[in-house]
Protein backbone atom coordinates (compact mmCIF):
# COMPACT_ATOMS: atom_id res chain seq x y z
CA MET A 1 -6.56 -4.34 -21.73
CA ILE A 2 -4.02 -1.15 -21.11
CA ALA A 3 -1.44 -1.42 -17.96
CA TYR A 4 0.98 1.25 -18.65
CA LEU A 5 0.85 4.51 -20.80
CA LYS A 6 4.24 6.45 -21.68
CA GLY A 7 4.04 9.72 -23.07
CA LYS A 8 3.56 13.41 -22.78
CA ILE A 9 0.81 15.53 -20.64
CA LEU A 10 -1.50 17.37 -23.13
CA LYS A 11 -4.13 18.27 -20.56
CA LYS A 12 -4.34 18.11 -17.04
CA LYS A 13 -7.02 19.11 -14.48
CA PRO A 14 -7.78 17.78 -10.78
CA GLY A 15 -9.17 14.61 -11.03
CA GLU A 16 -7.91 13.88 -14.89
CA VAL A 17 -5.19 13.98 -17.33
CA VAL A 18 -4.93 13.57 -20.73
CA VAL A 19 -1.70 11.61 -22.32
CA GLU A 20 -0.33 11.89 -25.83
CA THR A 21 1.22 8.68 -27.02
CA GLY A 22 1.78 7.54 -30.39
CA GLY A 23 -0.56 10.39 -31.80
CA VAL A 24 -3.32 9.36 -29.76
CA GLY A 25 -4.71 11.09 -26.41
CA TYR A 26 -5.77 8.97 -23.57
CA SER A 27 -8.28 10.49 -21.10
CA LEU A 28 -7.37 9.13 -17.70
CA LEU A 29 -8.89 9.93 -14.32
CA ILE A 30 -6.65 10.17 -11.34
CA PRO A 31 -6.54 10.83 -7.68
CA LEU A 32 -5.38 14.18 -6.76
CA SER A 33 -2.23 12.71 -5.15
CA THR A 34 -1.32 11.89 -8.75
CA TYR A 35 -2.52 15.29 -9.93
CA PHE A 36 -0.10 17.25 -7.79
CA LYS A 37 2.83 15.13 -8.29
CA LEU A 38 2.58 15.13 -12.38
CA GLY A 39 4.84 17.62 -14.01
CA GLU A 40 3.33 20.55 -16.77
CA GLU A 41 1.56 20.21 -19.71
CA GLY A 42 3.97 19.22 -22.29
CA ASN A 43 6.20 16.93 -19.69
CA PRO A 44 6.89 13.42 -20.18
CA VAL A 45 4.94 11.35 -17.88
CA GLU A 46 4.57 7.19 -17.21
CA LEU A 47 1.43 6.28 -15.66
CA LEU A 48 0.15 2.44 -14.28
CA VAL A 49 -3.15 2.01 -15.68
CA TYR A 50 -6.24 0.44 -14.81
CA THR A 51 -9.26 -0.21 -17.47
CA HIS A 52 -12.69 -0.31 -16.44
CA LEU A 53 -14.83 -1.75 -18.97
CA THR A 54 -18.74 -1.81 -18.53
CA ASP A 55 -21.67 -2.57 -21.10
CA ASP A 56 -21.59 1.22 -22.01
CA SER A 57 -18.58 2.71 -21.48
CA LEU A 58 -14.65 2.24 -21.18
CA GLN A 59 -12.93 4.11 -18.55
CA LEU A 60 -8.91 4.81 -17.76
CA PHE A 61 -7.81 5.18 -14.30
CA GLY A 62 -4.08 6.40 -13.92
CA PHE A 63 -1.59 6.15 -11.18
CA LEU A 64 1.96 7.67 -10.41
CA THR A 65 2.74 4.81 -8.25
CA GLY A 66 2.10 1.08 -7.50
CA GLU A 67 0.85 1.46 -3.99
CA GLU A 68 -1.83 4.04 -5.25
CA LYS A 69 -2.93 1.31 -7.82
CA SER A 70 -2.72 -1.56 -5.36
CA LEU A 71 -4.95 0.29 -2.85
CA PHE A 72 -7.30 1.14 -5.84
CA LEU A 73 -7.62 -2.57 -6.82
CA LYS A 74 -8.20 -3.66 -2.94
CA LEU A 75 -10.69 -0.67 -2.60
CA ILE A 76 -12.91 -1.65 -6.05
CA SER A 77 -12.95 -5.38 -4.65
CA ILE A 78 -14.95 -3.98 -1.73
CA SER A 79 -18.85 -4.37 -2.44
CA GLY A 80 -20.41 -1.27 -3.05
CA ILE A 81 -17.19 0.57 -3.93
CA GLY A 82 -16.55 1.47 -8.00
CA PRO A 83 -13.90 3.05 -9.47
CA LYS A 84 -14.73 6.65 -9.32
CA MET A 85 -15.38 6.22 -5.47
CA ALA A 86 -12.26 4.55 -5.15
CA ILE A 87 -10.85 7.56 -6.83
CA ASN A 88 -12.31 9.86 -4.31
CA ILE A 89 -11.19 7.96 -1.22
CA LEU A 90 -7.45 7.93 -2.87
CA SER A 91 -8.18 11.78 -3.36
CA GLY A 92 -9.04 12.58 -0.16
CA ILE A 93 -6.47 10.62 2.08
CA GLU A 94 -2.77 9.74 1.32
CA PRO A 95 -2.11 5.65 0.70
CA ARG A 96 -0.06 5.65 3.97
CA GLU A 97 -2.53 7.62 5.80
CA LEU A 98 -5.61 5.10 4.62
CA GLU A 99 -3.56 2.36 5.83
CA GLU A 100 -2.72 3.82 9.09
CA ALA A 101 -6.72 4.75 9.82
CA VAL A 102 -7.46 0.82 8.72
CA ARG A 103 -4.89 -0.29 11.37
CA GLU A 104 -6.56 2.02 14.24
CA THR A 105 -9.94 1.78 13.04
CA ASN A 106 -10.36 5.48 12.38
CA VAL A 107 -14.02 5.90 11.05
CA THR A 108 -13.67 9.34 11.74
CA ARG A 109 -11.05 10.10 9.61
CA LEU A 110 -12.22 8.17 6.56
CA SER A 111 -15.43 9.85 6.78
CA MET A 112 -14.27 13.01 6.55
CA ILE A 113 -13.45 12.20 2.67
CA PRO A 114 -16.29 13.52 0.82
CA GLY A 115 -19.18 11.21 -0.20
CA ILE A 116 -17.68 8.62 2.41
CA GLY A 117 -20.44 7.92 5.39
CA LYS A 118 -19.86 6.11 8.53
CA LYS A 119 -21.27 2.95 7.31
CA THR A 120 -19.09 3.14 4.12
CA ALA A 121 -15.95 4.27 5.95
CA LEU A 122 -16.80 1.35 8.50
CA ARG A 123 -17.02 -1.38 5.73
CA VAL A 124 -13.86 -0.03 3.79
CA ILE A 125 -11.76 -0.46 7.12
CA MET A 126 -13.29 -4.10 7.92
CA GLU A 127 -12.25 -4.99 4.56
CA LEU A 128 -9.23 -3.53 4.00
CA ALA A 129 -8.21 -4.70 7.35
CA ASP A 130 -8.81 -8.26 6.21
CA LYS A 131 -6.42 -7.67 2.80
CA MET A 132 -3.69 -5.98 4.66
CA GLU A 133 -3.74 -9.04 7.60
CA LYS A 134 -3.49 -11.48 4.65
CA LYS A 135 -0.70 -9.53 3.49
CA GLU A 136 1.05 -9.21 6.66
CA LYS A 137 0.95 -12.71 7.29
CA VAL A 138 2.55 -13.55 3.94
CA LEU A 139 5.41 -11.01 5.16
CA SER A 140 5.82 -12.88 8.34
CA ARG A 141 6.18 -15.99 6.58
CA ARG A 142 9.10 -14.57 4.75
CA GLU A 143 10.79 -13.59 7.79
CA SER A 144 10.10 -16.47 10.00
CA LYS A 145 13.29 -18.07 8.53
CA GLU A 146 15.25 -15.60 9.49
CA ARG A 147 13.45 -15.69 13.17
CA GLU A 148 14.21 -19.60 13.38
CA ASP A 149 17.92 -18.78 12.23
CA LEU A 150 18.26 -16.53 15.18
CA ILE A 151 16.58 -18.60 17.83
CA SER A 152 18.38 -21.98 16.82
CA ALA A 153 21.80 -19.66 16.79
CA LEU A 154 21.03 -18.68 20.48
CA VAL A 155 20.00 -22.07 21.62
CA ASN A 156 22.96 -23.53 20.06
CA LEU A 157 24.80 -20.74 21.79
CA GLY A 158 23.24 -22.50 25.14
CA PHE A 159 20.41 -19.60 26.12
CA ARG A 160 16.84 -21.42 26.77
CA ARG A 161 14.10 -21.21 23.52
CA LYS A 162 11.68 -19.40 25.21
CA GLU A 163 13.85 -16.35 26.13
CA SER A 164 15.65 -16.58 22.89
CA GLU A 165 12.18 -16.45 20.83
CA GLN A 166 11.39 -13.51 23.05
CA VAL A 167 14.46 -11.55 22.62
CA VAL A 168 14.39 -12.49 18.98
CA ASP A 169 10.84 -11.30 18.32
CA LEU A 170 11.86 -7.84 20.07
CA THR A 171 14.73 -7.30 18.15
CA ILE A 172 13.39 -8.06 14.79
CA GLY A 173 10.22 -5.72 15.86
CA SER A 174 12.61 -2.76 16.74
CA LEU A 175 15.37 -2.92 13.78
CA GLY A 176 13.45 -4.77 11.38
CA PRO A 177 14.44 -8.17 9.05
CA GLN A 178 16.27 -5.99 6.56
CA ALA A 179 18.91 -5.18 9.61
CA GLY A 180 20.52 -8.60 8.22
CA PHE A 181 21.62 -11.70 10.46
CA ASP A 182 24.77 -10.30 11.85
CA THR A 183 23.20 -7.25 13.40
CA LEU A 184 20.36 -8.81 14.87
CA LEU A 185 22.16 -11.68 16.25
CA ARG A 186 24.48 -8.94 17.93
CA GLU A 187 21.58 -6.90 19.17
CA CYS A 188 19.76 -10.10 20.57
CA LEU A 189 23.09 -11.03 22.49
CA LYS A 190 23.30 -7.91 23.92
CA LYS A 191 19.87 -8.39 25.15
CA MET A 192 20.44 -11.85 26.45
CA SER A 193 23.33 -10.92 28.56
CA ARG A 194 21.11 -8.51 30.58
CA ILE A 195 18.48 -11.21 31.41
């Protein structure tokens, strides 16, 4: 299975690129988002690849970013969505915009993509929402150690647990866990002093 290609662009057109590597030209189907970011013909290129093998064909799908490929893999795991339709969806909407449409259950936005009706749009939203929710639960589990450390620090300083939890959740929500323990604790203490 081919998972990555590095070479030079021999030919490109919307939806397809031919990459030459080691004297062999590989034809890959690509979303428009990848097409617009590719360099000119003759330029070097690196693509993440999904290999799709059926009884009568072998197709390669290329992506410039891991985010695009990850979303593509989630889309093809949905019943009734094949690789070509997944590429079509990614060509009609940016990955972040798609995630936003899923969070907001925006069926209208998805059904604006050519070839996607309201029923398909709704199915995509429902199934992607489920997959995104699982990802967010994993991320929130990673953040929970930082959350517990902050709550514990506030309780040890004499604040009540219930208020500490609320303030910590508000602070992590506004600054994000990447702000670091010290910054988050300072912000929590400022908020606690106002209660």
